[in-house]
Amino acid sequence: MLFTFKSATNADLIMHEKSAKEILALLGKSPDEARGIITVEQLPEAIATLQKAIVADKARPQETAASPSKKEADDEPPVSLARRAAPFVDMLERAAKAGEPVIWGV
């Protein structure tokens, strides 16, 4: 399943369910709700929360590569929270600057 985040300040942001639910949970939003909003008043806290989570994620040691016998040849390394959340943080920052909410599921 895909989540589509919308704001009047950006093009739609489409995110895979797993990443979207992780980010929504970090923001204190119910990841199981099909629809939601980050209000203009909530944007500064949401931005700060995600930036703190990104810093904490970067500080964690990266997973070591598994031996070839335990890992499929086609497996990709995990994508960091910083990379997954960057477009969303950008959307939140633009929305905050313009005084517009961010919504999903509509």
PDB file of N, CA and C in Angstrom:
ATOM      1  N   MET A   1       0.834  -1.172   0.000  1.00  0.00           N
ATOM      2  CA  MET A   1       0.000   0.000   0.000  1.00  0.00           C
ATOM      3  C   MET A   1       0.888   1.247   0.000  1.00  0.00           C
ATOM      4  N   LEU A   2       0.388   2.299  -0.587  1.00  0.00           N
ATOM      5  CA  LEU A   2       1.105   3.555  -0.648  1.00  0.00           C
ATOM      6  C   LEU A   2       0.348   4.635   0.113  1.00  0.00           C
ATOM      7  N   PHE A   3       1.091   5.547   0.709  1.00  0.00           N
ATOM      8  CA  PHE A   3       0.512   6.717   1.353  1.00  0.00           C
ATOM      9  C   PHE A   3       0.825   7.913   0.464  1.00  0.00           C
ATOM     10  N   THR A   4      -0.155   8.791   0.272  1.00  0.00           N
ATOM     11  CA  THR A   4       0.060  10.014  -0.483  1.00  0.00           C
ATOM     12  C   THR A   4      -0.145  11.193   0.448  1.00  0.00           C
ATOM     13  N   PHE A   5       0.914  11.954   0.648  1.00  0.00           N
ATOM     14  CA  PHE A   5       0.859  13.150   1.480  1.00  0.00           C
ATOM     15  C   PHE A   5       0.666  14.345   0.563  1.00  0.00           C
ATOM     16  N   LYS A   6      -0.188  15.281   1.003  1.00  0.00           N
ATOM     17  CA  LYS A   6      -0.525  16.433   0.172  1.00  0.00           C
ATOM     18  C   LYS A   6      -0.385  17.722   0.964  1.00  0.00           C
ATOM     19  N   SER A   7       0.045  18.753   0.266  1.00  0.00           N
ATOM     20  CA  SER A   7       0.091  20.100   0.812  1.00  0.00           C
ATOM     21  C   SER A   7      -0.014  21.059  -0.364  1.00  0.00           C
ATOM     22  N   ALA A   8      -0.583  22.216  -0.118  1.00  0.00           N
ATOM     23  CA  ALA A   8      -0.710  23.216  -1.177  1.00  0.00           C
ATOM     24  C   ALA A   8       0.648  23.742  -1.621  1.00  0.00           C
ATOM     25  N   THR A   9       1.687  23.470  -0.851  1.00  0.00           N
ATOM     26  CA  THR A   9       3.019  24.013  -1.141  1.00  0.00           C
ATOM     27  C   THR A   9       3.911  23.078  -1.949  1.00  0.00           C
ATOM     28  N   ASN A  10       3.523  21.832  -2.130  1.00  0.00           N
ATOM     29  CA  ASN A  10       4.361  20.825  -2.778  1.00  0.00           C
ATOM     30  C   ASN A  10       3.550  19.975  -3.736  1.00  0.00           C
ATOM     31  N   ALA A  11       4.280  19.264  -4.571  1.00  0.00           N
ATOM     32  CA  ALA A  11       3.663  18.169  -5.312  1.00  0.00           C
ATOM     33  C   ALA A  11       3.364  17.063  -4.304  1.00  0.00           C
ATOM     34  N   ASP A  12       2.457  16.162  -4.654  1.00  0.00           N
ATOM     35  CA  ASP A  12       2.137  15.048  -3.769  1.00  0.00           C
ATOM     36  C   ASP A  12       3.401  14.233  -3.483  1.00  0.00           C
ATOM     37  N   LEU A  13       3.491  13.742  -2.260  1.00  0.00           N
ATOM     38  CA  LEU A  13       4.611  12.900  -1.851  1.00  0.00           C
ATOM     39  C   LEU A  13       4.056  11.502  -1.619  1.00  0.00           C
ATOM     40  N   ILE A  14       4.537  10.548  -2.394  1.00  0.00           N
ATOM     41  CA  ILE A  14       4.067   9.172  -2.292  1.00  0.00           C
ATOM     42  C   ILE A  14       5.131   8.352  -1.584  1.00  0.00           C
ATOM     43  N   MET A  15       4.685   7.590  -0.575  1.00  0.00           N
ATOM     44  CA  MET A  15       5.621   6.839   0.260  1.00  0.00           C
ATOM     45  C   MET A  15       5.075   5.428   0.488  1.00  0.00           C
ATOM     46  N   HIS A  16       5.973   4.462   0.525  1.00  0.00           N
ATOM     47  CA  HIS A  16       5.572   3.094   0.850  1.00  0.00           C
ATOM     48  C   HIS A  16       4.999   3.043   2.261  1.00  0.00           C
ATOM     49  N   GLU A  17       4.082   2.129   2.461  1.00  0.00           N
ATOM     50  CA  GLU A  17       3.365   2.009   3.728  1.00  0.00           C
ATOM     51  C   GLU A  17       4.301   1.877   4.934  1.00  0.00           C
ATOM     52  N   LYS A  18       5.302   1.017   4.834  1.00  0.00           N
ATOM     53  CA  LYS A  18       6.187   0.776   5.979  1.00  0.00           C
ATOM     54  C   LYS A  18       6.883   2.062   6.414  1.00  0.00           C
ATOM     55  N   SER A  19       7.442   2.801   5.469  1.00  0.00           N
ATOM     56  CA  SER A  19       8.134   4.047   5.792  1.00  0.00           C
ATOM     57  C   SER A  19       7.159   5.100   6.318  1.00  0.00           C
ATOM     58  N   ALA A  20       6.006   5.219   5.670  1.00  0.00           N
ATOM     59  CA  ALA A  20       5.009   6.207   6.096  1.00  0.00           C
ATOM     60  C   ALA A  20       4.530   5.925   7.517  1.00  0.00           C
ATOM     61  N   LYS A  21       4.258   4.670   7.816  1.00  0.00           N
ATOM     62  CA  LYS A  21       3.787   4.323   9.160  1.00  0.00           C
ATOM     63  C   LYS A  21       4.859   4.590  10.208  1.00  0.00           C
ATOM     64  N   GLU A  22       6.121   4.323   9.878  1.00  0.00           N
ATOM     65  CA  GLU A  22       7.207   4.592  10.813  1.00  0.00           C
ATOM     66  C   GLU A  22       7.295   6.092  11.112  1.00  0.00           C
ATOM     67  N   ILE A  23       7.214   6.903  10.073  1.00  0.00           N
ATOM     68  CA  ILE A  23       7.305   8.355  10.250  1.00  0.00           C
ATOM     69  C   ILE A  23       6.097   8.882  11.008  1.00  0.00           C
ATOM     70  N   LEU A  24       4.910   8.410  10.672  1.00  0.00           N
ATOM     71  CA  LEU A  24       3.708   8.866  11.381  1.00  0.00           C
ATOM     72  C   LEU A  24       3.766   8.486  12.857  1.00  0.00           C
ATOM     73  N   ALA A  25       4.256   7.300  13.149  1.00  0.00           N
ATOM     74  CA  ALA A  25       4.384   6.879  14.550  1.00  0.00           C
ATOM     75  C   ALA A  25       5.365   7.780  15.296  1.00  0.00           C
ATOM     76  N   LEU A  26       6.465   8.154  14.654  1.00  0.00           N
ATOM     77  CA  LEU A  26       7.432   9.068  15.277  1.00  0.00           C
ATOM     78  C   LEU A  26       6.773  10.403  15.617  1.00  0.00           C
ATOM     79  N   LEU A  27       5.811  10.813  14.794  1.00  0.00           N
ATOM     80  CA  LEU A  27       5.133  12.091  14.987  1.00  0.00           C
ATOM     81  C   LEU A  27       3.954  12.006  15.953  1.00  0.00           C
ATOM     82  N   GLY A  28       3.714  10.804  16.477  1.00  0.00           N
ATOM     83  CA  GLY A  28       2.600  10.644  17.411  1.00  0.00           C
ATOM     84  C   GLY A  28       1.253  10.539  16.716  1.00  0.00           C
ATOM     85  N   LYS A  29       1.273  10.304  15.421  1.00  0.00           N
ATOM     86  CA  LYS A  29       0.041  10.119  14.653  1.00  0.00           C
ATOM     87  C   LYS A  29      -0.227   8.620  14.546  1.00  0.00           C
ATOM     88  N   SER A  30      -1.491   8.258  14.511  1.00  0.00           N
ATOM     89  CA  SER A  30      -1.835   6.844  14.412  1.00  0.00           C
ATOM     90  C   SER A  30      -1.468   6.328  13.023  1.00  0.00           C
ATOM     91  N   PRO A  31      -0.532   5.407  12.935  1.00  0.00           N
ATOM     92  CA  PRO A  31      -0.149   4.896  11.622  1.00  0.00           C
ATOM     93  C   PRO A  31      -1.225   4.003  11.001  1.00  0.00           C
ATOM     94  N   ASP A  32      -2.219   3.625  11.783  1.00  0.00           N
ATOM     95  CA  ASP A  32      -3.271   2.764  11.261  1.00  0.00           C
ATOM     96  C   ASP A  32      -4.455   3.551  10.708  1.00  0.00           C
ATOM     97  N   GLU A  33      -4.463   4.856  10.921  1.00  0.00           N
ATOM     98  CA  GLU A  33      -5.525   5.691  10.369  1.00  0.00           C
ATOM     99  C   GLU A  33      -5.270   5.910   8.882  1.00  0.00           C
ATOM    100  N   ALA A  34      -6.298   5.738   8.078  1.00  0.00           N
ATOM    101  CA  ALA A  34      -6.146   5.894   6.637  1.00  0.00           C
ATOM    102  C   ALA A  34      -6.069   7.361   6.228  1.00  0.00           C
ATOM    103  N   ARG A  35      -6.570   8.260   7.090  1.00  0.00           N
ATOM    104  CA  ARG A  35      -6.575   9.686   6.785  1.00  0.00           C
ATOM    105  C   ARG A  35      -6.050  10.466   7.984  1.00  0.00           C
ATOM    106  N   GLY A  36      -5.431  11.606   7.701  1.00  0.00           N
ATOM    107  CA  GLY A  36      -4.955  12.416   8.806  1.00  0.00           C
ATOM    108  C   GLY A  36      -4.459  13.768   8.357  1.00  0.00           C
ATOM    109  N   ILE A  37      -4.060  14.561   9.351  1.00  0.00           N
ATOM    110  CA  ILE A  37      -3.581  15.912   9.086  1.00  0.00           C
ATOM    111  C   ILE A  37      -2.500  16.279  10.091  1.00  0.00           C
ATOM    112  N   ILE A  38      -1.536  17.009   9.618  1.00  0.00           N
ATOM    113  CA  ILE A  38      -0.571  17.679  10.486  1.00  0.00           C
ATOM    114  C   ILE A  38      -0.908  19.152  10.328  1.00  0.00           C
ATOM    115  N   THR A  39      -1.469  19.723  11.369  1.00  0.00           N
ATOM    116  CA  THR A  39      -1.930  21.101  11.295  1.00  0.00           C
ATOM    117  C   THR A  39      -0.753  22.066  11.260  1.00  0.00           C
ATOM    118  N   VAL A  40      -1.045  23.287  10.877  1.00  0.00           N
ATOM    119  CA  VAL A  40      -0.013  24.324  10.835  1.00  0.00           C
ATOM    120  C   VAL A  40       0.640  24.467  12.204  1.00  0.00           C
ATOM    121  N   GLU A  41      -0.153  24.395  13.267  1.00  0.00           N
ATOM    122  CA  GLU A  41       0.367  24.519  14.626  1.00  0.00           C
ATOM    123  C   GLU A  41       1.264  23.348  15.004  1.00  0.00           C
ATOM    124  N   GLN A  42       1.046  22.177  14.434  1.00  0.00           N
ATOM    125  CA  GLN A  42       1.831  20.982  14.748  1.00  0.00           C
ATOM    126  C   GLN A  42       3.112  20.875  13.921  1.00  0.00           C
ATOM    127  N   LEU A  43       3.215  21.636  12.856  1.00  0.00           N
ATOM    128  CA  LEU A  43       4.356  21.504  11.943  1.00  0.00           C
ATOM    129  C   LEU A  43       5.718  21.738  12.598  1.00  0.00           C
ATOM    130  N   PRO A  44       5.917  22.822  13.373  1.00  0.00           N
ATOM    131  CA  PRO A  44       7.262  23.011  13.958  1.00  0.00           C
ATOM    132  C   PRO A  44       7.702  21.840  14.836  1.00  0.00           C
ATOM    133  N   GLU A  45       6.802  21.312  15.646  1.00  0.00           N
ATOM    134  CA  GLU A  45       7.150  20.171  16.499  1.00  0.00           C
ATOM    135  C   GLU A  45       7.420  18.929  15.657  1.00  0.00           C
ATOM    136  N   ALA A  46       6.625  18.726  14.603  1.00  0.00           N
ATOM    137  CA  ALA A  46       6.827  17.564  13.731  1.00  0.00           C
ATOM    138  C   ALA A  46       8.196  17.628  13.059  1.00  0.00           C
ATOM    139  N   ILE A  47       8.582  18.800  12.585  1.00  0.00           N
ATOM    140  CA  ILE A  47       9.884  18.966  11.948  1.00  0.00           C
ATOM    141  C   ILE A  47      11.005  18.666  12.947  1.00  0.00           C
ATOM    142  N   ALA A  48      10.899  19.240  14.133  1.00  0.00           N
ATOM    143  CA  ALA A  48      11.932  19.029  15.164  1.00  0.00           C
ATOM    144  C   ALA A  48      12.016  17.559  15.559  1.00  0.00           C
ATOM    145  N   THR A  49      10.881  16.896  15.696  1.00  0.00           N
ATOM    146  CA  THR A  49      10.856  15.483  16.066  1.00  0.00           C
ATOM    147  C   THR A  49      11.552  14.629  15.018  1.00  0.00           C
ATOM    148  N   LEU A  50      11.248  14.870  13.754  1.00  0.00           N
ATOM    149  CA  LEU A  50      11.879  14.086  12.692  1.00  0.00           C
ATOM    150  C   LEU A  50      13.377  14.377  12.606  1.00  0.00           C
ATOM    151  N   GLN A  51      13.762  15.618  12.779  1.00  0.00           N
ATOM    152  CA  GLN A  51      15.188  15.944  12.727  1.00  0.00           C
ATOM    153  C   GLN A  51      15.947  15.265  13.866  1.00  0.00           C
ATOM    154  N   LYS A  52      15.356  15.207  15.052  1.00  0.00           N
ATOM    155  CA  LYS A  52      15.988  14.505  16.176  1.00  0.00           C
ATOM    156  C   LYS A  52      16.095  13.008  15.890  1.00  0.00           C
ATOM    157  N   ALA A  53      15.041  12.428  15.315  1.00  0.00           N
ATOM    158  CA  ALA A  53      15.054  10.998  14.994  1.00  0.00           C
ATOM    159  C   ALA A  53      16.112  10.686  13.936  1.00  0.00           C
ATOM    160  N   ILE A  54      16.286  11.590  12.989  1.00  0.00           N
ATOM    161  CA  ILE A  54      17.299  11.403  11.949  1.00  0.00           C
ATOM    162  C   ILE A  54      18.700  11.439  12.556  1.00  0.00           C
ATOM    163  N   VAL A  55      18.943  12.395  13.449  1.00  0.00           N
ATOM    164  CA  VAL A  55      20.250  12.486  14.119  1.00  0.00           C
ATOM    165  C   VAL A  55      20.521  11.213  14.919  1.00  0.00           C
ATOM    166  N   ALA A  56      19.505  10.736  15.652  1.00  0.00           N
ATOM    167  CA  ALA A  56      19.658   9.513  16.447  1.00  0.00           C
ATOM    168  C   ALA A  56      19.916   8.312  15.542  1.00  0.00           C
ATOM    169  N   ASP A  57      19.238   8.254  14.402  1.00  0.00           N
ATOM    170  CA  ASP A  57      19.426   7.142  13.462  1.00  0.00           C
ATOM    171  C   ASP A  57      20.843   7.154  12.891  1.00  0.00           C
ATOM    172  N   LYS A  58      21.358   8.337  12.577  1.00  0.00           N
ATOM    173  CA  LYS A  58      22.719   8.437  12.041  1.00  0.00           C
ATOM    174  C   LYS A  58      23.763   8.042  13.074  1.00  0.00           C
ATOM    175  N   ALA A  59      23.437   8.246  14.359  1.00  0.00           N
ATOM    176  CA  ALA A  59      24.386   7.924  15.427  1.00  0.00           C
ATOM    177  C   ALA A  59      24.465   6.426  15.703  1.00  0.00           C
ATOM    178  N   ARG A  60      23.434   5.677  15.306  1.00  0.00           N
ATOM    179  CA  ARG A  60      23.451   4.220  15.507  1.00  0.00           C
ATOM    180  C   ARG A  60      24.447   3.573  14.566  1.00  0.00           C
ATOM    181  N   PRO A  61      25.126   2.532  15.035  1.00  0.00           N
ATOM    182  CA  PRO A  61      26.036   1.819  14.126  1.00  0.00           C
ATOM    183  C   PRO A  61      25.239   1.156  13.005  1.00  0.00           C
ATOM    184  N   GLN A  62      25.787   1.224  11.812  1.00  0.00           N
ATOM    185  CA  GLN A  62      25.124   0.613  10.663  1.00  0.00           C
ATOM    186  C   GLN A  62      25.253  -0.898  10.749  1.00  0.00           C
ATOM    187  N   GLU A  63      24.263  -1.591  10.161  1.00  0.00           N
ATOM    188  CA  GLU A  63      24.305  -3.054  10.153  1.00  0.00           C
ATOM    189  C   GLU A  63      25.526  -3.513   9.356  1.00  0.00           C
ATOM    190  N   THR A  64      26.160  -4.543   9.865  1.00  0.00           N
ATOM    191  CA  THR A  64      27.285  -5.094   9.124  1.00  0.00           C
ATOM    192  C   THR A  64      26.760  -6.006   8.034  1.00  0.00           C
ATOM    193  N   ALA A  65      27.493  -6.108   6.979  1.00  0.00           N
ATOM    194  CA  ALA A  65      27.072  -6.953   5.866  1.00  0.00           C
ATOM    195  C   ALA A  65      27.069  -8.416   6.305  1.00  0.00           C
ATOM    196  N   ALA A  66      26.018  -9.094   5.957  1.00  0.00           N
ATOM    197  CA  ALA A  66      25.927 -10.520   6.286  1.00  0.00           C
ATOM    198  C   ALA A  66      26.815 -11.299   5.324  1.00  0.00           C
ATOM    199  N   SER A  67      27.203 -12.481   5.746  1.00  0.00           N
ATOM    200  CA  SER A  67      28.019 -13.305   4.861  1.00  0.00           C
ATOM    201  C   SER A  67      27.176 -13.721   3.667  1.00  0.00           C
ATOM    202  N   PRO A  68      27.802 -13.968   2.523  1.00  0.00           N
ATOM    203  CA  PRO A  68      27.058 -14.326   1.323  1.00  0.00           C
ATOM    204  C   PRO A  68      26.134 -15.526   1.515  1.00  0.00           C
ATOM    205  N   SER A  69      26.486 -16.452   2.384  1.00  0.00           N
ATOM    206  CA  SER A  69      25.648 -17.626   2.575  1.00  0.00           C
ATOM    207  C   SER A  69      24.338 -17.275   3.293  1.00  0.00           C
ATOM    208  N   LYS A  70      24.349 -16.184   4.057  1.00  0.00           N
ATOM    209  CA  LYS A  70      23.146 -15.791   4.800  1.00  0.00           C
ATOM    210  C   LYS A  70      22.359 -14.697   4.089  1.00  0.00           C
ATOM    211  N   LYS A  71      22.897 -14.178   3.020  1.00  0.00           N
ATOM    212  CA  LYS A  71      22.295 -13.031   2.361  1.00  0.00           C
ATOM    213  C   LYS A  71      22.082 -13.344   0.891  1.00  0.00           C
ATOM    214  N   GLU A  72      20.922 -13.007   0.402  1.00  0.00           N
ATOM    215  CA  GLU A  72      20.656 -13.190  -1.018  1.00  0.00           C
ATOM    216  C   GLU A  72      21.514 -12.208  -1.814  1.00  0.00           C
ATOM    217  N   ALA A  73      21.923 -12.604  -2.981  1.00  0.00           N
ATOM    218  CA  ALA A  73      22.772 -11.760  -3.812  1.00  0.00           C
ATOM    219  C   ALA A  73      22.060 -10.475  -4.233  1.00  0.00           C
ATOM    220  N   ASP A  74      20.738 -10.513  -4.342  1.00  0.00           N
ATOM    221  CA  ASP A  74      19.978  -9.349  -4.802  1.00  0.00           C
ATOM    222  C   ASP A  74      19.589  -8.402  -3.672  1.00  0.00           C
ATOM    223  N   ASP A  75      19.851  -8.761  -2.421  1.00  0.00           N
ATOM    224  CA  ASP A  75      19.458  -7.902  -1.302  1.00  0.00           C
ATOM    225  C   ASP A  75      20.185  -6.569  -1.364  1.00  0.00           C
ATOM    226  N   GLU A  76      19.433  -5.516  -1.097  1.00  0.00           N
ATOM    227  CA  GLU A  76      19.987  -4.167  -1.047  1.00  0.00           C
ATOM    228  C   GLU A  76      20.254  -3.801   0.406  1.00  0.00           C
ATOM    229  N   PRO A  77      21.201  -2.928   0.673  1.00  0.00           N
ATOM    230  CA  PRO A  77      21.405  -2.478   2.050  1.00  0.00           C
ATOM    231  C   PRO A  77      20.193  -1.668   2.501  1.00  0.00           C
ATOM    232  N   PRO A  78      19.930  -1.621   3.799  1.00  0.00           N
ATOM    233  CA  PRO A  78      18.774  -0.873   4.276  1.00  0.00           C
ATOM    234  C   PRO A  78      18.919   0.620   3.981  1.00  0.00           C
ATOM    235  N   VAL A  79      17.789   1.271   3.739  1.00  0.00           N
ATOM    236  CA  VAL A  79      17.780   2.706   3.481  1.00  0.00           C
ATOM    237  C   VAL A  79      17.579   3.411   4.810  1.00  0.00           C
ATOM    238  N   SER A  80      18.428   4.369   5.110  1.00  0.00           N
ATOM    239  CA  SER A  80      18.388   5.050   6.403  1.00  0.00           C
ATOM    240  C   SER A  80      17.129   5.906   6.552  1.00  0.00           C
ATOM    241  N   LEU A  81      16.783   6.174   7.799  1.00  0.00           N
ATOM    242  CA  LEU A  81      15.655   7.057   8.090  1.00  0.00           C
ATOM    243  C   LEU A  81      15.905   8.429   7.472  1.00  0.00           C
ATOM    244  N   ALA A  82      17.128   8.897   7.502  1.00  0.00           N
ATOM    245  CA  ALA A  82      17.448  10.215   6.938  1.00  0.00           C
ATOM    246  C   ALA A  82      17.061  10.288   5.466  1.00  0.00           C
ATOM    247  N   ARG A  83      17.369   9.253   4.730  1.00  0.00           N
ATOM    248  CA  ARG A  83      17.024   9.244   3.297  1.00  0.00           C
ATOM    249  C   ARG A  83      15.526   9.096   3.071  1.00  0.00           C
ATOM    250  N   ARG A  84      14.889   8.263   3.889  1.00  0.00           N
ATOM    251  CA  ARG A  84      13.449   8.059   3.715  1.00  0.00           C
ATOM    252  C   ARG A  84      12.636   9.274   4.142  1.00  0.00           C
ATOM    253  N   ALA A  85      13.091   9.966   5.172  1.00  0.00           N
ATOM    254  CA  ALA A  85      12.320  11.078   5.730  1.00  0.00           C
ATOM    255  C   ALA A  85      12.640  12.421   5.088  1.00  0.00           C
ATOM    256  N   ALA A  86      13.753  12.551   4.383  1.00  0.00           N
ATOM    257  CA  ALA A  86      14.174  13.840   3.829  1.00  0.00           C
ATOM    258  C   ALA A  86      13.098  14.520   2.980  1.00  0.00           C
ATOM    259  N   PRO A  87      12.449  13.829   2.050  1.00  0.00           N
ATOM    260  CA  PRO A  87      11.413  14.510   1.261  1.00  0.00           C
ATOM    261  C   PRO A  87      10.229  14.954   2.129  1.00  0.00           C
ATOM    262  N   PHE A  88       9.929  14.176   3.157  1.00  0.00           N
ATOM    263  CA  PHE A  88       8.812  14.515   4.043  1.00  0.00           C
ATOM    264  C   PHE A  88       9.165  15.731   4.890  1.00  0.00           C
ATOM    265  N   VAL A  89      10.396  15.782   5.402  1.00  0.00           N
ATOM    266  CA  VAL A  89      10.836  16.947   6.181  1.00  0.00           C
ATOM    267  C   VAL A  89      10.793  18.189   5.298  1.00  0.00           C
ATOM    268  N   ASP A  90      11.229  18.057   4.062  1.00  0.00           N
ATOM    269  CA  ASP A  90      11.175  19.180   3.120  1.00  0.00           C
ATOM    270  C   ASP A  90       9.733  19.653   2.937  1.00  0.00           C
ATOM    271  N   MET A  91       8.816  18.720   2.777  1.00  0.00           N
ATOM    272  CA  MET A  91       7.401  19.076   2.627  1.00  0.00           C
ATOM    273  C   MET A  91       6.893  19.808   3.869  1.00  0.00           C
ATOM    274  N   LEU A  92       7.239  19.298   5.042  1.00  0.00           N
ATOM    275  CA  LEU A  92       6.798  19.931   6.289  1.00  0.00           C
ATOM    276  C   LEU A  92       7.372  21.346   6.412  1.00  0.00           C
ATOM    277  N   GLU A  93       8.635  21.521   6.070  1.00  0.00           N
ATOM    278  CA  GLU A  93       9.262  22.842   6.163  1.00  0.00           C
ATOM    279  C   GLU A  93       8.607  23.836   5.213  1.00  0.00           C
ATOM    280  N   ARG A  94       8.329  23.417   3.993  1.00  0.00           N
ATOM    281  CA  ARG A  94       7.660  24.303   3.025  1.00  0.00           C
ATOM    282  C   ARG A  94       6.245  24.640   3.486  1.00  0.00           C
ATOM    283  N   ALA A  95       5.559  23.645   4.012  1.00  0.00           N
ATOM    284  CA  ALA A  95       4.195  23.876   4.495  1.00  0.00           C
ATOM    285  C   ALA A  95       4.201  24.841   5.679  1.00  0.00           C
ATOM    286  N   ALA A  96       5.158  24.686   6.579  1.00  0.00           N
ATOM    287  CA  ALA A  96       5.254  25.583   7.738  1.00  0.00           C
ATOM    288  C   ALA A  96       5.526  27.013   7.285  1.00  0.00           C
ATOM    289  N   LYS A  97       6.430  27.168   6.330  1.00  0.00           N
ATOM    290  CA  LYS A  97       6.781  28.497   5.833  1.00  0.00           C
ATOM    291  C   LYS A  97       5.564  29.185   5.199  1.00  0.00           C
ATOM    292  N   ALA A  98       4.728  28.402   4.517  1.00  0.00           N
ATOM    293  CA  ALA A  98       3.557  28.960   3.830  1.00  0.00           C
ATOM    294  C   ALA A  98       2.301  28.980   4.707  1.00  0.00           C
ATOM    295  N   GLY A  99       2.380  28.356   5.893  1.00  0.00           N
ATOM    296  CA  GLY A  99       1.202  28.311   6.754  1.00  0.00           C
ATOM    297  C   GLY A  99       0.113  27.379   6.249  1.00  0.00           C
ATOM    298  N   GLU A 100       0.527  26.254   5.680  1.00  0.00           N
ATOM    299  CA  GLU A 100      -0.406  25.271   5.109  1.00  0.00           C
ATOM    300  C   GLU A 100      -0.258  23.929   5.841  1.00  0.00           C
ATOM    301  N   PRO A 101      -1.349  23.195   6.049  1.00  0.00           N
ATOM    302  CA  PRO A 101      -1.247  21.876   6.676  1.00  0.00           C
ATOM    303  C   PRO A 101      -0.768  20.818   5.678  1.00  0.00           C
ATOM    304  N   VAL A 102      -0.418  19.658   6.213  1.00  0.00           N
ATOM    305  CA  VAL A 102      -0.082  18.489   5.396  1.00  0.00           C
ATOM    306  C   VAL A 102      -1.127  17.430   5.717  1.00  0.00           C
ATOM    307  N   ILE A 103      -1.718  16.858   4.678  1.00  0.00           N
ATOM    308  CA  ILE A 103      -2.782  15.856   4.864  1.00  0.00           C
ATOM    309  C   ILE A 103      -2.436  14.578   4.118  1.00  0.00           C
ATOM    310  N   TRP A 104      -3.117  13.495   4.475  1.00  0.00           N
ATOM    311  CA  TRP A 104      -2.965  12.244   3.729  1.00  0.00           C
ATOM    312  C   TRP A 104      -4.290  11.486   3.769  1.00  0.00           C
ATOM    313  N   GLY A 105      -4.442  10.617   2.788  1.00  0.00           N
ATOM    314  CA  GLY A 105      -5.611   9.754   2.731  1.00  0.00           C
ATOM    315  C   GLY A 105      -6.864  10.417   2.182  1.00  0.00           C
ATOM    316  N   VAL A 106      -6.710  11.521   1.467  1.00  0.00           N
ATOM    317  CA  VAL A 106      -7.887  12.185   0.891  1.00  0.00           C
ATOM    318  C   VAL A 106      -7.793  12.229  -0.605  1.00  0.00           C
TER     319      VAL A 106
END
